[in-house]
Amino acid sequence: MSKSLKRGLERVRDDIKNIMEKDPAAKSYIEVILLYQGFHAILSYRIANKLHRWKVPFLPRFISQLARFFTGIEIHPAATIGERLFIDHGFGVVIGETTIIGNDVLIYQGVTLGGTGKEHGKRHPTVGDNVTIGAGAKVLGNITIGDNSNIGAGSVVIDDVPEHSTVVGVPGRVVHQKVFVQGELLHNRIPDPVKCELNRLKYEIQEIKETLEKGC
């Protein structure tokens, strides 16, 4: 067995094991292999990406579109994806051509890792390691999502996100509090960014009033 084929089989095994560990609904390896569209999409991507890097024409895009038809997940063959990506449920996920995804990333249904227009070059996000992106979130443009960050469901992110951050809202706002557990979005414990901003303004106004009173 060639080293390339052996490495490919190891990655497939790691993908299956990762799903078993992260999804309590997964009852067996056979169930993951036969019934998980996220696994099917990643497997198709691995094949298409290899052909793309070999500069095989047409076939990589054909494979990706075929996978999109059967899984509802669109991954461009030229995207760069690390180890153990888990696309949970997955329908409606779009991963653009120049997207870079690190290791141990969790993506839920309806997520878009896309561009913001017709620009050329690097135009899609770079997602770090151990990132969780909630259902329906849109991460757009040539931005970076730092390691160990969470993107809340339905958020629209168009700016860089520091490491160890949680982002919520439209547009996405960074909440500098570790209110998450690795790979788990605790929506009931994510602070309201609007409320946080209003509280900050209230305290600033109070400080200004106190300063003016002292001056008088």
N, C-alpha and C. Protein backbone atom coordinates (compact mmCIF):
# COMPACT_ATOMS: atom_id res chain seq x y z
N MET A 1 0.85 -1.20 0.00
CA MET A 1 0.00 0.00 0.00
C MET A 1 0.88 1.25 0.00
N SER A 2 0.59 2.19 -0.90
CA SER A 2 1.39 3.41 -0.99
C SER A 2 1.17 4.29 0.24
N LYS A 3 2.15 5.15 0.52
CA LYS A 3 2.04 6.06 1.66
C LYS A 3 0.85 7.00 1.50
N SER A 4 0.62 7.45 0.26
CA SER A 4 -0.48 8.37 0.00
C SER A 4 -1.83 7.73 0.31
N LEU A 5 -2.02 6.48 -0.14
CA LEU A 5 -3.27 5.77 0.10
C LEU A 5 -3.43 5.48 1.58
N LYS A 6 -2.35 5.08 2.23
CA LYS A 6 -2.40 4.80 3.66
C LYS A 6 -2.80 6.05 4.45
N ARG A 7 -2.20 7.18 4.09
CA ARG A 7 -2.53 8.44 4.77
C ARG A 7 -3.99 8.81 4.54
N GLY A 8 -4.48 8.58 3.30
CA GLY A 8 -5.87 8.88 2.98
C GLY A 8 -6.83 8.05 3.81
N LEU A 9 -6.54 6.78 3.99
CA LEU A 9 -7.39 5.90 4.80
C LEU A 9 -7.35 6.31 6.27
N GLU A 10 -6.19 6.75 6.74
CA GLU A 10 -6.08 7.21 8.13
C GLU A 10 -6.94 8.45 8.36
N ARG A 11 -6.98 9.35 7.37
CA ARG A 11 -7.79 10.57 7.51
C ARG A 11 -9.28 10.22 7.53
N VAL A 12 -9.67 9.26 6.71
CA VAL A 12 -11.07 8.82 6.71
C VAL A 12 -11.42 8.21 8.05
N ARG A 13 -10.54 7.39 8.59
CA ARG A 13 -10.77 6.79 9.91
C ARG A 13 -10.89 7.86 10.98
N ASP A 14 -10.01 8.87 10.92
CA ASP A 14 -10.05 9.96 11.90
C ASP A 14 -11.35 10.75 11.79
N ASP A 15 -11.82 10.98 10.55
CA ASP A 15 -13.09 11.70 10.36
C ASP A 15 -14.25 10.95 10.99
N ILE A 16 -14.29 9.63 10.79
CA ILE A 16 -15.37 8.81 11.36
C ILE A 16 -15.29 8.81 12.88
N LYS A 17 -14.10 8.62 13.41
CA LYS A 17 -13.91 8.61 14.86
C LYS A 17 -14.30 9.95 15.47
N ASN A 18 -13.97 11.04 14.79
CA ASN A 18 -14.29 12.39 15.26
C ASN A 18 -15.80 12.59 15.36
N ILE A 19 -16.53 12.11 14.36
CA ILE A 19 -17.99 12.21 14.38
C ILE A 19 -18.57 11.41 15.54
N MET A 20 -18.04 10.21 15.75
CA MET A 20 -18.52 9.37 16.85
C MET A 20 -18.31 10.06 18.20
N GLU A 21 -17.20 10.78 18.34
CA GLU A 21 -16.89 11.45 19.60
C GLU A 21 -17.72 12.70 19.83
N LYS A 22 -18.05 13.43 18.75
CA LYS A 22 -18.70 14.72 18.89
C LYS A 22 -20.22 14.68 18.78
N ASP A 23 -20.76 13.63 18.17
CA ASP A 23 -22.21 13.56 17.99
C ASP A 23 -22.79 12.42 18.81
N PRO A 24 -23.54 12.74 19.86
CA PRO A 24 -24.13 11.68 20.69
C PRO A 24 -25.17 10.85 19.95
N ALA A 25 -25.65 11.38 18.81
CA ALA A 25 -26.65 10.63 18.04
C ALA A 25 -26.01 9.52 17.20
N ALA A 26 -24.70 9.58 17.02
CA ALA A 26 -24.01 8.57 16.21
C ALA A 26 -23.84 7.29 17.02
N LYS A 27 -24.46 6.20 16.59
CA LYS A 27 -24.48 4.96 17.36
C LYS A 27 -23.43 3.94 16.91
N SER A 28 -22.98 4.05 15.64
CA SER A 28 -22.02 3.06 15.16
C SER A 28 -21.25 3.63 13.98
N TYR A 29 -20.12 3.00 13.69
CA TYR A 29 -19.31 3.40 12.55
C TYR A 29 -20.09 3.22 11.25
N ILE A 30 -20.83 2.13 11.15
CA ILE A 30 -21.60 1.86 9.94
C ILE A 30 -22.63 2.96 9.70
N GLU A 31 -23.26 3.41 10.78
CA GLU A 31 -24.25 4.48 10.67
C GLU A 31 -23.60 5.76 10.14
N VAL A 32 -22.43 6.09 10.63
CA VAL A 32 -21.72 7.29 10.16
C VAL A 32 -21.36 7.15 8.69
N ILE A 33 -20.82 6.01 8.31
CA ILE A 33 -20.38 5.80 6.93
C ILE A 33 -21.54 5.87 5.95
N LEU A 34 -22.70 5.32 6.33
CA LEU A 34 -23.82 5.22 5.39
C LEU A 34 -24.78 6.40 5.44
N LEU A 35 -24.91 7.06 6.61
CA LEU A 35 -26.01 7.99 6.79
C LEU A 35 -25.62 9.44 7.06
N TYR A 36 -24.36 9.73 7.26
CA TYR A 36 -23.95 11.09 7.61
C TYR A 36 -23.51 11.87 6.37
N GLN A 37 -24.34 12.83 5.94
CA GLN A 37 -24.00 13.57 4.73
C GLN A 37 -22.77 14.44 4.90
N GLY A 38 -22.50 14.88 6.14
CA GLY A 38 -21.28 15.64 6.39
C GLY A 38 -20.04 14.81 6.08
N PHE A 39 -20.07 13.56 6.48
CA PHE A 39 -18.96 12.65 6.19
C PHE A 39 -18.84 12.42 4.69
N HIS A 40 -19.97 12.24 4.01
CA HIS A 40 -19.94 12.03 2.56
C HIS A 40 -19.35 13.25 1.84
N ALA A 41 -19.73 14.44 2.31
CA ALA A 41 -19.23 15.67 1.68
C ALA A 41 -17.73 15.82 1.87
N ILE A 42 -17.23 15.52 3.08
CA ILE A 42 -15.80 15.63 3.34
C ILE A 42 -15.02 14.59 2.53
N LEU A 43 -15.56 13.37 2.46
CA LEU A 43 -14.89 12.32 1.69
C LEU A 43 -14.80 12.72 0.22
N SER A 44 -15.88 13.27 -0.32
CA SER A 44 -15.88 13.73 -1.71
C SER A 44 -14.89 14.87 -1.90
N TYR A 45 -14.85 15.77 -0.91
CA TYR A 45 -13.89 16.88 -1.00
C TYR A 45 -12.47 16.37 -1.03
N ARG A 46 -12.13 15.39 -0.18
CA ARG A 46 -10.76 14.88 -0.13
C ARG A 46 -10.33 14.36 -1.51
N ILE A 47 -11.24 13.66 -2.18
CA ILE A 47 -10.93 13.12 -3.51
C ILE A 47 -10.79 14.27 -4.52
N ALA A 48 -11.76 15.19 -4.51
CA ALA A 48 -11.74 16.29 -5.46
C ALA A 48 -10.52 17.19 -5.25
N ASN A 49 -10.17 17.42 -3.98
CA ASN A 49 -9.02 18.27 -3.68
C ASN A 49 -7.72 17.64 -4.18
N LYS A 50 -7.60 16.33 -4.01
CA LYS A 50 -6.41 15.63 -4.50
C LYS A 50 -6.29 15.78 -6.02
N LEU A 51 -7.41 15.60 -6.72
CA LEU A 51 -7.40 15.75 -8.17
C LEU A 51 -7.10 17.19 -8.57
N HIS A 52 -7.63 18.13 -7.81
CA HIS A 52 -7.37 19.55 -8.09
C HIS A 52 -5.88 19.85 -7.96
N ARG A 53 -5.25 19.33 -6.91
CA ARG A 53 -3.82 19.57 -6.71
C ARG A 53 -2.97 18.87 -7.77
N TRP A 54 -3.52 17.82 -8.35
CA TRP A 54 -2.86 17.17 -9.47
C TRP A 54 -3.14 17.88 -10.80
N LYS A 55 -3.91 18.98 -10.71
CA LYS A 55 -4.27 19.81 -11.88
C LYS A 55 -5.09 19.04 -12.92
N VAL A 56 -5.92 18.11 -12.44
CA VAL A 56 -6.85 17.41 -13.32
C VAL A 56 -7.99 18.37 -13.65
N PRO A 57 -8.29 18.60 -14.94
CA PRO A 57 -9.36 19.55 -15.30
C PRO A 57 -10.75 18.96 -15.11
N PHE A 58 -11.71 19.83 -14.85
CA PHE A 58 -13.15 19.52 -14.84
C PHE A 58 -13.60 18.56 -13.75
N LEU A 59 -12.92 17.42 -13.63
CA LEU A 59 -13.38 16.35 -12.74
C LEU A 59 -13.54 16.79 -11.28
N PRO A 60 -12.59 17.57 -10.71
CA PRO A 60 -12.78 17.99 -9.32
C PRO A 60 -14.07 18.76 -9.09
N ARG A 61 -14.38 19.72 -9.99
CA ARG A 61 -15.62 20.49 -9.85
C ARG A 61 -16.84 19.61 -10.05
N PHE A 62 -16.74 18.64 -10.94
CA PHE A 62 -17.85 17.72 -11.18
C PHE A 62 -18.14 16.92 -9.91
N ILE A 63 -17.08 16.43 -9.26
CA ILE A 63 -17.25 15.66 -8.02
C ILE A 63 -17.89 16.53 -6.94
N SER A 64 -17.42 17.78 -6.82
CA SER A 64 -17.96 18.66 -5.78
C SER A 64 -19.43 18.98 -6.03
N GLN A 65 -19.80 19.17 -7.29
CA GLN A 65 -21.20 19.46 -7.59
C GLN A 65 -22.08 18.22 -7.42
N LEU A 66 -21.53 17.06 -7.72
CA LEU A 66 -22.27 15.82 -7.49
C LEU A 66 -22.51 15.63 -5.99
N ALA A 67 -21.48 15.91 -5.19
CA ALA A 67 -21.63 15.82 -3.72
C ALA A 67 -22.65 16.83 -3.24
N ARG A 68 -22.65 18.02 -3.81
CA ARG A 68 -23.63 19.05 -3.44
C ARG A 68 -25.05 18.57 -3.72
N PHE A 69 -25.24 17.90 -4.84
CA PHE A 69 -26.57 17.41 -5.23
C PHE A 69 -27.07 16.38 -4.21
N PHE A 70 -26.20 15.49 -3.75
CA PHE A 70 -26.61 14.41 -2.86
C PHE A 70 -26.62 14.80 -1.38
N THR A 71 -25.79 15.78 -1.00
CA THR A 71 -25.66 16.10 0.43
C THR A 71 -26.19 17.48 0.80
N GLY A 72 -26.33 18.38 -0.17
CA GLY A 72 -26.72 19.75 0.14
C GLY A 72 -25.57 20.58 0.69
N ILE A 73 -24.35 20.06 0.60
CA ILE A 73 -23.15 20.73 1.11
C ILE A 73 -22.22 21.01 -0.07
N GLU A 74 -21.82 22.27 -0.22
CA GLU A 74 -20.95 22.64 -1.34
C GLU A 74 -19.58 23.04 -0.82
N ILE A 75 -18.56 22.26 -1.20
CA ILE A 75 -17.18 22.55 -0.82
C ILE A 75 -16.36 22.66 -2.10
N HIS A 76 -15.75 23.82 -2.32
CA HIS A 76 -14.94 23.98 -3.53
C HIS A 76 -13.70 23.10 -3.42
N PRO A 77 -13.31 22.42 -4.49
CA PRO A 77 -12.16 21.52 -4.44
C PRO A 77 -10.85 22.21 -4.07
N ALA A 78 -10.76 23.54 -4.33
CA ALA A 78 -9.52 24.26 -4.05
C ALA A 78 -9.41 24.72 -2.60
N ALA A 79 -10.48 24.59 -1.82
CA ALA A 79 -10.42 24.99 -0.41
C ALA A 79 -9.38 24.15 0.32
N THR A 80 -8.82 24.72 1.39
CA THR A 80 -7.82 24.02 2.20
C THR A 80 -8.45 23.66 3.54
N ILE A 81 -8.58 22.37 3.80
CA ILE A 81 -9.27 21.90 5.01
C ILE A 81 -8.34 20.98 5.80
N GLY A 82 -8.21 21.23 7.09
CA GLY A 82 -7.33 20.45 7.95
C GLY A 82 -7.96 19.14 8.39
N GLU A 83 -7.50 18.65 9.51
CA GLU A 83 -7.92 17.34 10.00
C GLU A 83 -9.22 17.43 10.81
N ARG A 84 -10.02 16.39 10.70
CA ARG A 84 -11.19 16.16 11.57
C ARG A 84 -12.23 17.29 11.53
N LEU A 85 -12.51 17.80 10.34
CA LEU A 85 -13.64 18.72 10.20
C LEU A 85 -14.93 17.92 10.35
N PHE A 86 -15.84 18.42 11.18
CA PHE A 86 -17.15 17.78 11.35
C PHE A 86 -18.23 18.77 10.92
N ILE A 87 -18.97 18.42 9.89
CA ILE A 87 -20.11 19.21 9.43
C ILE A 87 -21.36 18.51 9.94
N ASP A 88 -21.97 19.05 10.99
CA ASP A 88 -23.10 18.40 11.65
C ASP A 88 -24.40 18.79 10.95
N HIS A 89 -25.21 17.82 10.61
CA HIS A 89 -26.44 18.00 9.81
C HIS A 89 -26.05 18.48 8.42
N GLY A 90 -25.56 19.71 8.31
CA GLY A 90 -24.82 20.11 7.12
C GLY A 90 -25.58 20.76 5.99
N PHE A 91 -26.88 20.52 5.85
CA PHE A 91 -27.57 21.02 4.66
C PHE A 91 -27.41 22.54 4.56
N GLY A 92 -27.06 23.01 3.36
CA GLY A 92 -26.92 24.44 3.12
C GLY A 92 -25.55 25.01 3.42
N VAL A 93 -24.60 24.18 3.80
CA VAL A 93 -23.23 24.66 4.07
C VAL A 93 -22.52 24.96 2.74
N VAL A 94 -21.84 26.12 2.69
CA VAL A 94 -21.06 26.51 1.51
C VAL A 94 -19.67 26.90 1.98
N ILE A 95 -18.65 26.30 1.37
CA ILE A 95 -17.25 26.60 1.69
C ILE A 95 -16.56 27.03 0.40
N GLY A 96 -16.14 28.30 0.35
CA GLY A 96 -15.62 28.88 -0.88
C GLY A 96 -14.21 28.45 -1.26
N GLU A 97 -13.82 28.86 -2.44
CA GLU A 97 -12.60 28.39 -3.10
C GLU A 97 -11.32 28.66 -2.30
N THR A 98 -11.17 29.86 -1.74
CA THR A 98 -9.92 30.20 -1.05
C THR A 98 -10.05 30.11 0.47
N THR A 99 -11.07 29.41 0.93
CA THR A 99 -11.23 29.19 2.37
C THR A 99 -10.11 28.30 2.90
N ILE A 100 -9.64 28.63 4.09
CA ILE A 100 -8.67 27.79 4.81
C ILE A 100 -9.29 27.43 6.16
N ILE A 101 -9.37 26.15 6.45
CA ILE A 101 -9.95 25.67 7.72
C ILE A 101 -8.91 24.85 8.45
N GLY A 102 -8.72 25.13 9.73
CA GLY A 102 -7.74 24.41 10.54
C GLY A 102 -8.24 23.06 11.00
N ASN A 103 -7.68 22.57 12.08
CA ASN A 103 -8.01 21.25 12.60
C ASN A 103 -9.13 21.30 13.63
N ASP A 104 -9.91 20.23 13.70
CA ASP A 104 -10.92 20.04 14.75
C ASP A 104 -11.97 21.15 14.76
N VAL A 105 -12.43 21.51 13.58
CA VAL A 105 -13.46 22.55 13.43
C VAL A 105 -14.83 21.88 13.34
N LEU A 106 -15.83 22.51 13.96
CA LEU A 106 -17.20 22.01 13.95
C LEU A 106 -18.09 23.05 13.27
N ILE A 107 -18.81 22.63 12.23
CA ILE A 107 -19.68 23.53 11.47
C ILE A 107 -21.09 22.94 11.45
N TYR A 108 -22.08 23.78 11.76
CA TYR A 108 -23.47 23.34 11.73
C TYR A 108 -24.14 23.74 10.41
N GLN A 109 -25.40 23.35 10.25
CA GLN A 109 -26.12 23.54 8.99
C GLN A 109 -26.29 25.02 8.65
N GLY A 110 -26.35 25.30 7.34
CA GLY A 110 -26.63 26.64 6.86
C GLY A 110 -25.48 27.63 6.96
N VAL A 111 -24.29 27.17 7.26
CA VAL A 111 -23.13 28.06 7.40
C VAL A 111 -22.55 28.38 6.03
N THR A 112 -22.18 29.65 5.84
CA THR A 112 -21.49 30.08 4.62
C THR A 112 -20.12 30.63 4.97
N LEU A 113 -19.10 30.08 4.37
CA LEU A 113 -17.75 30.64 4.43
C LEU A 113 -17.49 31.19 3.04
N GLY A 114 -17.88 32.45 2.84
CA GLY A 114 -17.94 32.99 1.48
C GLY A 114 -17.18 34.29 1.31
N GLY A 115 -17.30 34.84 0.10
CA GLY A 115 -16.69 36.12 -0.23
C GLY A 115 -17.70 37.25 -0.08
N THR A 116 -17.21 38.46 -0.36
CA THR A 116 -18.08 39.64 -0.24
C THR A 116 -18.34 40.31 -1.58
N GLY A 117 -17.79 39.78 -2.65
CA GLY A 117 -17.99 40.40 -3.97
C GLY A 117 -17.28 39.62 -5.05
N LYS A 118 -16.79 40.34 -6.06
CA LYS A 118 -16.14 39.70 -7.19
C LYS A 118 -14.63 39.88 -7.18
N GLU A 119 -14.07 40.17 -5.99
CA GLU A 119 -12.64 40.36 -5.89
C GLU A 119 -11.90 39.06 -6.21
N HIS A 120 -10.63 39.19 -6.57
CA HIS A 120 -9.81 38.02 -6.91
C HIS A 120 -8.83 37.75 -5.78
N GLY A 121 -8.07 36.65 -5.90
CA GLY A 121 -7.10 36.31 -4.88
C GLY A 121 -7.77 35.71 -3.66
N LYS A 122 -7.13 35.88 -2.50
CA LYS A 122 -7.69 35.35 -1.24
C LYS A 122 -8.91 36.16 -0.85
N ARG A 123 -10.07 35.58 -0.96
CA ARG A 123 -11.32 36.31 -0.76
C ARG A 123 -12.29 35.61 0.19
N HIS A 124 -11.84 34.51 0.78
CA HIS A 124 -12.68 33.76 1.71
C HIS A 124 -11.98 33.65 3.06
N PRO A 125 -12.71 33.26 4.10
CA PRO A 125 -12.16 33.28 5.46
C PRO A 125 -11.06 32.25 5.71
N THR A 126 -10.27 32.55 6.73
CA THR A 126 -9.33 31.59 7.31
C THR A 126 -9.83 31.28 8.71
N VAL A 127 -10.12 30.01 8.96
CA VAL A 127 -10.69 29.58 10.23
C VAL A 127 -9.64 28.78 10.99
N GLY A 128 -9.35 29.18 12.23
CA GLY A 128 -8.31 28.53 13.01
C GLY A 128 -8.74 27.18 13.56
N ASP A 129 -7.92 26.63 14.44
CA ASP A 129 -8.18 25.32 15.05
C ASP A 129 -9.24 25.43 16.14
N ASN A 130 -9.98 24.34 16.33
CA ASN A 130 -10.95 24.21 17.44
C ASN A 130 -12.00 25.32 17.42
N VAL A 131 -12.47 25.67 16.25
CA VAL A 131 -13.51 26.69 16.09
C VAL A 131 -14.85 26.02 15.90
N THR A 132 -15.90 26.59 16.50
CA THR A 132 -17.26 26.12 16.30
C THR A 132 -18.07 27.23 15.63
N ILE A 133 -18.77 26.91 14.55
CA ILE A 133 -19.57 27.89 13.82
C ILE A 133 -21.02 27.43 13.85
N GLY A 134 -21.87 28.21 14.50
CA GLY A 134 -23.26 27.83 14.74
C GLY A 134 -24.12 27.89 13.49
N ALA A 135 -25.30 27.29 13.58
CA ALA A 135 -26.22 27.16 12.45
C ALA A 135 -26.57 28.51 11.85
N GLY A 136 -26.50 28.58 10.52
CA GLY A 136 -26.92 29.78 9.80
C GLY A 136 -25.94 30.93 9.82
N ALA A 137 -24.79 30.77 10.44
CA ALA A 137 -23.81 31.86 10.51
C ALA A 137 -23.18 32.10 9.14
N LYS A 138 -22.86 33.37 8.86
CA LYS A 138 -22.20 33.76 7.63
C LYS A 138 -20.86 34.41 7.98
N VAL A 139 -19.79 33.81 7.52
CA VAL A 139 -18.45 34.34 7.74
C VAL A 139 -17.92 34.73 6.37
N LEU A 140 -17.73 36.04 6.16
CA LEU A 140 -17.55 36.54 4.80
C LEU A 140 -16.27 37.35 4.64
N GLY A 141 -15.59 37.13 3.53
CA GLY A 141 -14.43 37.92 3.19
C GLY A 141 -13.12 37.30 3.65
N ASN A 142 -12.02 37.97 3.31
CA ASN A 142 -10.69 37.51 3.67
C ASN A 142 -10.38 37.91 5.11
N ILE A 143 -11.02 37.24 6.04
CA ILE A 143 -10.85 37.54 7.46
C ILE A 143 -10.34 36.28 8.17
N THR A 144 -9.90 36.46 9.40
CA THR A 144 -9.36 35.34 10.17
C THR A 144 -10.18 35.13 11.44
N ILE A 145 -10.57 33.90 11.67
CA ILE A 145 -11.24 33.51 12.91
C ILE A 145 -10.21 32.80 13.77
N GLY A 146 -9.86 33.39 14.91
CA GLY A 146 -8.80 32.85 15.75
C GLY A 146 -9.13 31.50 16.35
N ASP A 147 -8.09 30.81 16.77
CA ASP A 147 -8.24 29.49 17.38
C ASP A 147 -9.18 29.53 18.60
N ASN A 148 -9.88 28.43 18.81
CA ASN A 148 -10.73 28.24 20.00
C ASN A 148 -11.83 29.28 20.12
N SER A 149 -12.35 29.73 18.98
CA SER A 149 -13.43 30.73 19.00
C SER A 149 -14.75 30.08 18.62
N ASN A 150 -15.84 30.73 19.01
CA ASN A 150 -17.18 30.28 18.67
C ASN A 150 -17.92 31.39 17.94
N ILE A 151 -18.62 31.01 16.88
CA ILE A 151 -19.47 31.94 16.15
C ILE A 151 -20.91 31.53 16.42
N GLY A 152 -21.68 32.42 17.04
CA GLY A 152 -23.05 32.10 17.41
C GLY A 152 -23.96 31.90 16.20
N ALA A 153 -25.03 31.14 16.39
CA ALA A 153 -25.98 30.86 15.32
C ALA A 153 -26.56 32.15 14.75
N GLY A 154 -26.61 32.22 13.42
CA GLY A 154 -27.21 33.37 12.74
C GLY A 154 -26.35 34.61 12.68
N SER A 155 -25.14 34.56 13.20
CA SER A 155 -24.26 35.73 13.18
C SER A 155 -23.73 35.99 11.77
N VAL A 156 -23.42 37.24 11.50
CA VAL A 156 -22.78 37.63 10.24
C VAL A 156 -21.45 38.27 10.60
N VAL A 157 -20.36 37.60 10.25
CA VAL A 157 -19.03 38.03 10.66
C VAL A 157 -18.27 38.54 9.44
N ILE A 158 -17.81 39.79 9.51
CA ILE A 158 -17.09 40.40 8.39
C ILE A 158 -15.76 41.01 8.84
N ASP A 159 -15.41 40.84 10.11
CA ASP A 159 -14.14 41.33 10.65
C ASP A 159 -13.39 40.21 11.35
N ASP A 160 -12.08 40.39 11.49
CA ASP A 160 -11.26 39.39 12.18
C ASP A 160 -11.78 39.14 13.60
N VAL A 161 -11.62 37.90 14.04
CA VAL A 161 -12.03 37.51 15.39
C VAL A 161 -10.79 37.02 16.13
N PRO A 162 -10.47 37.61 17.30
CA PRO A 162 -9.30 37.15 18.07
C PRO A 162 -9.50 35.73 18.58
N GLU A 163 -8.41 35.12 19.01
CA GLU A 163 -8.49 33.79 19.60
C GLU A 163 -9.34 33.81 20.88
N HIS A 164 -9.93 32.67 21.20
CA HIS A 164 -10.69 32.48 22.44
C HIS A 164 -11.85 33.47 22.57
N SER A 165 -12.52 33.76 21.47
CA SER A 165 -13.61 34.73 21.50
C SER A 165 -14.93 34.07 21.13
N THR A 166 -16.01 34.71 21.54
CA THR A 166 -17.35 34.34 21.09
C THR A 166 -17.93 35.52 20.34
N VAL A 167 -18.52 35.25 19.18
CA VAL A 167 -19.10 36.30 18.35
C VAL A 167 -20.59 36.04 18.20
N VAL A 168 -21.39 37.07 18.39
CA VAL A 168 -22.83 36.97 18.21
C VAL A 168 -23.34 38.22 17.50
N GLY A 169 -24.50 38.09 16.83
CA GLY A 169 -25.18 39.25 16.30
C GLY A 169 -24.95 39.53 14.83
N VAL A 170 -25.70 40.55 14.34
CA VAL A 170 -25.60 41.02 12.96
C VAL A 170 -25.43 42.53 12.99
N PRO A 171 -24.28 43.08 12.64
CA PRO A 171 -23.06 42.33 12.34
C PRO A 171 -22.49 41.71 13.60
N GLY A 172 -21.64 40.72 13.42
CA GLY A 172 -21.09 40.00 14.56
C GLY A 172 -20.26 40.88 15.47
N ARG A 173 -20.47 40.76 16.76
CA ARG A 173 -19.69 41.49 17.77
C ARG A 173 -18.97 40.49 18.65
N VAL A 174 -17.73 40.80 18.96
CA VAL A 174 -16.93 39.92 19.79
C VAL A 174 -17.28 40.13 21.26
N VAL A 175 -17.53 39.04 21.97
CA VAL A 175 -17.76 39.08 23.41
C VAL A 175 -16.52 38.49 24.06
N HIS A 176 -15.78 39.30 24.77
CA HIS A 176 -14.50 38.87 25.32
C HIS A 176 -14.69 38.15 26.66
N GLN A 177 -15.48 37.09 26.62
CA GLN A 177 -15.68 36.27 27.80
C GLN A 177 -15.70 34.82 27.38
N LYS A 178 -15.07 33.97 28.17
CA LYS A 178 -15.07 32.54 27.86
C LYS A 178 -16.34 31.91 28.41
N VAL A 179 -17.43 32.08 27.64
CA VAL A 179 -18.72 31.56 28.07
C VAL A 179 -19.06 30.28 27.32
N PHE A 180 -18.05 29.63 26.77
CA PHE A 180 -18.31 28.43 25.98
C PHE A 180 -17.45 27.28 26.48
N VAL A 181 -17.92 26.09 26.18
CA VAL A 181 -17.15 24.88 26.38
C VAL A 181 -16.66 24.45 25.01
N GLN A 182 -15.46 23.90 24.93
CA GLN A 182 -14.88 23.50 23.65
C GLN A 182 -15.88 22.72 22.80
N GLY A 183 -16.15 23.24 21.59
CA GLY A 183 -17.03 22.55 20.67
C GLY A 183 -18.49 22.61 21.01
N GLU A 184 -18.88 23.49 21.94
CA GLU A 184 -20.26 23.52 22.38
C GLU A 184 -20.72 24.97 22.52
N LEU A 185 -21.75 25.35 21.79
CA LEU A 185 -22.26 26.71 21.86
C LEU A 185 -23.32 26.81 22.95
N LEU A 186 -22.99 27.52 24.03
CA LEU A 186 -23.91 27.66 25.15
C LEU A 186 -24.71 28.94 24.95
N HIS A 187 -25.73 28.89 24.08
CA HIS A 187 -26.48 30.09 23.70
C HIS A 187 -27.14 30.76 24.90
N ASN A 188 -27.54 29.98 25.88
CA ASN A 188 -28.22 30.56 27.04
C ASN A 188 -27.27 31.34 27.94
N ARG A 189 -25.96 31.22 27.69
CA ARG A 189 -24.99 31.92 28.52
C ARG A 189 -24.18 32.95 27.74
N ILE A 190 -24.51 33.16 26.47
CA ILE A 190 -23.81 34.17 25.68
C ILE A 190 -24.39 35.54 25.98
N PRO A 191 -23.57 36.50 26.42
CA PRO A 191 -24.09 37.82 26.73
C PRO A 191 -24.67 38.51 25.50
N ASP A 192 -25.65 39.38 25.73
CA ASP A 192 -26.23 40.18 24.67
C ASP A 192 -25.27 41.32 24.36
N PRO A 193 -24.69 41.39 23.14
CA PRO A 193 -23.70 42.41 22.84
C PRO A 193 -24.28 43.82 22.88
N VAL A 194 -25.55 43.98 22.51
CA VAL A 194 -26.18 45.30 22.55
C VAL A 194 -26.31 45.77 24.00
N LYS A 195 -26.74 44.87 24.86
CA LYS A 195 -26.87 45.21 26.28
C LYS A 195 -25.51 45.57 26.87
N CYS A 196 -24.47 44.82 26.51
CA CYS A 196 -23.13 45.10 27.00
C CYS A 196 -22.68 46.49 26.57
N GLU A 197 -22.97 46.83 25.31
CA GLU A 197 -22.56 48.14 24.79
C GLU A 197 -23.32 49.27 25.49
N LEU A 198 -24.60 49.07 25.73
CA LEU A 198 -25.40 50.09 26.43
C LEU A 198 -24.89 50.28 27.87
N ASN A 199 -24.55 49.20 28.53
CA ASN A 199 -24.00 49.31 29.89
C ASN A 199 -22.68 50.07 29.89
N ARG A 200 -21.85 49.78 28.88
CA ARG A 200 -20.57 50.49 28.79
C ARG A 200 -20.80 51.99 28.61
N LEU A 201 -21.74 52.35 27.73
CA LEU A 201 -22.05 53.77 27.50
C LEU A 201 -22.60 54.42 28.77
N LYS A 202 -23.44 53.67 29.51
CA LYS A 202 -24.01 54.21 30.74
C LYS A 202 -22.92 54.56 31.74
N TYR A 203 -21.94 53.66 31.89
CA TYR A 203 -20.85 53.91 32.82
C TYR A 203 -19.98 55.09 32.36
N GLU A 204 -19.76 55.22 31.06
CA GLU A 204 -18.97 56.33 30.54
C GLU A 204 -19.67 57.66 30.78
N ILE A 205 -21.00 57.68 30.58
CA ILE A 205 -21.77 58.91 30.83
C ILE A 205 -21.71 59.28 32.29
N GLN A 206 -21.81 58.26 33.16
CA GLN A 206 -21.75 58.51 34.60
C GLN A 206 -20.39 59.10 34.98
N GLU A 207 -19.32 58.58 34.39
CA GLU A 207 -17.98 59.10 34.67
C GLU A 207 -17.83 60.54 34.20
N ILE A 208 -18.39 60.86 33.03
CA ILE A 208 -18.33 62.23 32.51
C ILE A 208 -19.09 63.19 33.42
N LYS A 209 -20.28 62.75 33.89
CA LYS A 209 -21.07 63.59 34.78
C LYS A 209 -20.32 63.87 36.09
N GLU A 210 -19.69 62.83 36.63
CA GLU A 210 -18.95 63.00 37.88
C GLU A 210 -17.76 63.93 37.69
N THR A 211 -17.11 63.83 36.52
CA THR A 211 -15.96 64.71 36.23
C THR A 211 -16.42 66.16 36.12
N LEU A 212 -17.56 66.38 35.43
CA LEU A 212 -18.09 67.74 35.27
C LEU A 212 -18.51 68.33 36.62
N GLU A 213 -19.12 67.50 37.46
CA GLU A 213 -19.54 67.99 38.79
C GLU A 213 -18.35 68.40 39.65
N LYS A 214 -17.27 67.62 39.56
CA LYS A 214 -16.05 67.95 40.31
C LYS A 214 -15.45 69.27 39.80
N GLY A 215 -15.54 69.45 38.48
CA GLY A 215 -14.99 70.66 37.89
C GLY A 215 -15.75 71.91 38.29
N CYS A 216 -17.06 71.73 38.54
CA CYS A 216 -17.89 72.87 38.96
C CYS A 216 -17.64 73.19 40.43
